[in-house]
C-alpha atoms as a PDB file:
ATOM      1  CA  UNK A   1     168.921 -38.965 -69.973  1.00  0.00           C
ATOM      2  CA  UNK A   2     172.340 -39.989 -71.436  1.00  0.00           C
ATOM      3  CA  UNK A   3     175.397 -40.779 -69.086  1.00  0.00           C
ATOM      4  CA  UNK A   4     178.817 -42.030 -69.815  1.00  0.00           C
ATOM      5  CA  UNK A   5     180.009 -44.444 -67.085  1.00  0.00           C
ATOM      6  CA  UNK A   6     182.990 -47.056 -67.284  1.00  0.00           C
ATOM      7  CA  UNK A   7     182.982 -46.483 -71.146  1.00  0.00           C
ATOM      8  CA  UNK A   8     179.491 -47.335 -71.350  1.00  0.00           C
ATOM      9  CA  UNK A   9     176.689 -45.199 -72.673  1.00  0.00           C
ATOM     10  CA  UNK A  10     173.681 -45.330 -70.434  1.00  0.00           C
ATOM     11  CA  UNK A  11     170.307 -43.815 -72.097  1.00  0.00           C
ATOM     12  CA  UNK A  12     167.452 -43.851 -69.766  1.00  0.00           C
ATOM     13  CA  UNK A  13     163.928 -42.811 -70.900  1.00  0.00           C
ATOM     14  CA  UNK A  14     160.089 -43.840 -69.999  1.00  0.00           C
ATOM     15  CA  UNK A  15     160.426 -47.059 -72.074  1.00  0.00           C
ATOM     16  CA  UNK A  16     163.831 -48.146 -70.242  1.00  0.00           C
ATOM     17  CA  UNK A  17     167.149 -48.370 -69.957  1.00  0.00           C
ATOM     18  CA  UNK A  18     169.851 -48.763 -72.855  1.00  0.00           C
ATOM     19  CA  UNK A  19     173.443 -49.572 -71.982  1.00  0.00           C
ATOM     20  CA  UNK A  20     175.718 -49.550 -75.106  1.00  0.00           C
ATOM     21  CA  UNK A  21     179.512 -50.005 -75.570  1.00  0.00           C
ATOM     22  CA  UNK A  22     179.488 -48.564 -79.200  1.00  0.00           C
ATOM     23  CA  UNK A  23     181.611 -45.700 -78.690  1.00  0.00           C
ATOM     24  CA  UNK A  24     184.320 -47.887 -76.719  1.00  0.00           C
ATOM     25  CA  UNK A  25     184.222 -50.308 -79.633  1.00  0.00           C
ATOM     26  CA  UNK A  26     184.636 -47.571 -82.239  1.00  0.00           C
ATOM     27  CA  UNK A  27     187.648 -46.236 -80.024  1.00  0.00           C
ATOM     28  CA  UNK A  28     189.287 -49.690 -80.124  1.00  0.00           C
ATOM     29  CA  UNK A  29     188.953 -49.776 -84.038  1.00  0.00           C
ATOM     30  CA  UNK A  30     190.566 -46.441 -84.029  1.00  0.00           C
ATOM     31  CA  UNK A  31     193.540 -47.398 -81.554  1.00  0.00           C
ATOM     32  CA  UNK A  32     194.369 -50.338 -83.722  1.00  0.00           C
ATOM     33  CA  UNK A  33     193.836 -48.705 -87.181  1.00  0.00           C
ATOM     34  CA  UNK A  34     191.137 -50.906 -88.299  1.00  0.00           C
ATOM     35  CA  UNK A  35     188.205 -48.660 -88.434  1.00  0.00           C
ATOM     36  CA  UNK A  36     187.549 -49.620 -92.213  1.00  0.00           C
ATOM     37  CA  UNK A  37     187.138 -53.493 -91.560  1.00  0.00           C
ATOM     38  CA  UNK A  38     184.561 -55.746 -92.873  1.00  0.00           C
ATOM     39  CA  UNK A  39     181.796 -56.699 -90.208  1.00  0.00           C
ATOM     40  CA  UNK A  40     181.158 -60.311 -89.423  1.00  0.00           C
ATOM     41  CA  UNK A  41     178.379 -61.475 -87.803  1.00  0.00           C
ATOM     42  CA  UNK A  42     179.983 -64.091 -85.538  1.00  0.00           C
ATOM     43  CA  UNK A  43     183.788 -64.445 -84.783  1.00  0.00           C
ATOM     44  CA  UNK A  44     185.103 -67.664 -85.887  1.00  0.00           C
ATOM     45  CA  UNK A  45     188.081 -68.131 -83.897  1.00  0.00           C
ATOM     46  CA  UNK A  46     186.879 -71.342 -82.288  1.00  0.00           C
ATOM     47  CA  UNK A  47     186.814 -72.782 -85.881  1.00  0.00           C
ATOM     48  CA  UNK A  48     190.666 -72.166 -86.125  1.00  0.00           C
ATOM     49  CA  UNK A  49     193.197 -74.603 -85.108  1.00  0.00           C
ATOM     50  CA  UNK A  50     195.520 -72.046 -83.316  1.00  0.00           C
ATOM     51  CA  UNK A  51     198.958 -73.346 -82.475  1.00  0.00           C
ATOM     52  CA  UNK A  52     201.796 -71.709 -80.419  1.00  0.00           C
ATOM     53  CA  UNK A  53     203.907 -71.554 -83.732  1.00  0.00           C
ATOM     54  CA  UNK A  54     202.364 -72.100 -87.212  1.00  0.00           C
ATOM     55  CA  UNK A  55     205.207 -70.638 -89.099  1.00  0.00           C
ATOM     56  CA  UNK A  56     203.708 -67.067 -89.234  1.00  0.00           C
ATOM     57  CA  UNK A  57     205.914 -64.254 -87.834  1.00  0.00           C
ATOM     58  CA  UNK A  58     205.666 -63.197 -84.268  1.00  0.00           C
ATOM     59  CA  UNK A  59     204.156 -59.709 -83.402  1.00  0.00           C
ATOM     60  CA  UNK A  60     204.694 -57.266 -80.773  1.00  0.00           C
ATOM     61  CA  UNK A  61     203.233 -58.787 -77.462  1.00  0.00           C
ATOM     62  CA  UNK A  62     202.290 -55.586 -76.013  1.00  0.00           C
ATOM     63  CA  UNK A  63     199.891 -54.748 -79.077  1.00  0.00           C
ATOM     64  CA  UNK A  64     198.498 -58.110 -78.770  1.00  0.00           C
ATOM     65  CA  UNK A  65     198.100 -57.858 -75.159  1.00  0.00           C
ATOM     66  CA  UNK A  66     196.341 -54.458 -75.194  1.00  0.00           C
ATOM     67  CA  UNK A  67     193.829 -55.713 -77.887  1.00  0.00           C
ATOM     68  CA  UNK A  68     193.131 -58.613 -75.624  1.00  0.00           C
ATOM     69  CA  UNK A  69     192.851 -56.554 -72.743  1.00  0.00           C
ATOM     70  CA  UNK A  70     190.324 -54.195 -74.599  1.00  0.00           C
ATOM     71  CA  UNK A  71     188.328 -57.335 -76.046  1.00  0.00           C
ATOM     72  CA  UNK A  72     187.918 -58.704 -72.701  1.00  0.00           C
ATOM     73  CA  UNK A  73     186.430 -55.437 -71.533  1.00  0.00           C
ATOM     74  CA  UNK A  74     184.054 -55.431 -74.249  1.00  0.00           C
ATOM     75  CA  UNK A  75     183.101 -58.829 -73.698  1.00  0.00           C
ATOM     76  CA  UNK A  76     181.313 -57.831 -70.473  1.00  0.00           C
ATOM     77  CA  UNK A  77     178.344 -56.436 -72.698  1.00  0.00           C
ATOM     78  CA  UNK A  78     179.150 -59.001 -75.569  1.00  0.00           C
ATOM     79  CA  UNK A  79     179.145 -62.588 -74.564  1.00  0.00           C
ATOM     80  CA  UNK A  80     179.488 -63.774 -78.137  1.00  0.00           C
ATOM     81  CA  UNK A  81     183.127 -62.648 -78.104  1.00  0.00           C
ATOM     82  CA  UNK A  82     183.891 -63.885 -74.567  1.00  0.00           C
ATOM     83  CA  UNK A  83     184.906 -67.479 -75.383  1.00  0.00           C
ATOM     84  CA  UNK A  84     187.068 -66.497 -78.814  1.00  0.00           C
ATOM     85  CA  UNK A  85     188.719 -63.924 -76.613  1.00  0.00           C
ATOM     86  CA  UNK A  86     189.627 -66.087 -73.751  1.00  0.00           C
ATOM     87  CA  UNK A  87     190.917 -68.911 -76.369  1.00  0.00           C
ATOM     88  CA  UNK A  88     193.236 -66.041 -77.720  1.00  0.00           C
ATOM     89  CA  UNK A  89     194.441 -64.965 -74.259  1.00  0.00           C
ATOM     90  CA  UNK A  90     196.407 -68.263 -73.980  1.00  0.00           C
ATOM     91  CA  UNK A  91     198.602 -66.820 -76.607  1.00  0.00           C
ATOM     92  CA  UNK A  92     199.630 -63.519 -74.900  1.00  0.00           C
ATOM     93  CA  UNK A  93     203.202 -64.635 -73.998  1.00  0.00           C
ATOM     94  CA  UNK A  94     204.406 -65.133 -77.504  1.00  0.00           C
ATOM     95  CA  UNK A  95     201.596 -64.210 -80.094  1.00  0.00           C
ATOM     96  CA  UNK A  96     202.168 -64.712 -83.732  1.00  0.00           C
ATOM     97  CA  UNK A  97     200.424 -63.301 -86.887  1.00  0.00           C
ATOM     98  CA  UNK A  98     197.800 -65.738 -86.985  1.00  0.00           C
ATOM     99  CA  UNK A  99     196.828 -64.716 -83.220  1.00  0.00           C
ATOM    100  CA  UNK A 100     196.657 -61.188 -84.166  1.00  0.00           C
ATOM    101  CA  UNK A 101     194.646 -61.804 -87.310  1.00  0.00           C
ATOM    102  CA  UNK A 102     192.043 -63.851 -85.243  1.00  0.00           C
ATOM    103  CA  UNK A 103     192.031 -61.082 -82.429  1.00  0.00           C
ATOM    104  CA  UNK A 104     191.094 -58.317 -85.542  1.00  0.00           C
ATOM    105  CA  UNK A 105     188.615 -60.746 -86.528  1.00  0.00           C
ATOM    106  CA  UNK A 106     186.756 -60.475 -83.309  1.00  0.00           C
ATOM    107  CA  UNK A 107     187.093 -56.743 -83.393  1.00  0.00           C
END
């Protein structure tokens, strides 16, 4: 039995239940035009020293906010991205290039 509920694919059989957000993650990559990205095993945002202004150009706040919102929803099933996403959410008011780059790295 396959069901799509709240952007989560739920598959149930005799062995158990599988919940996946793979389709939603793929939609996010398409939405932000980064389908052909290099896969990393662990987001390294916590190693970076993110600052309010590090000299990189500012980016469109609405795009950054949308990306962070998508990541927050995705983090419900992916606790490994929860902390780096929450760190980046501090910069939603005036995001800059390094913040956007870090968010794309999480995706």
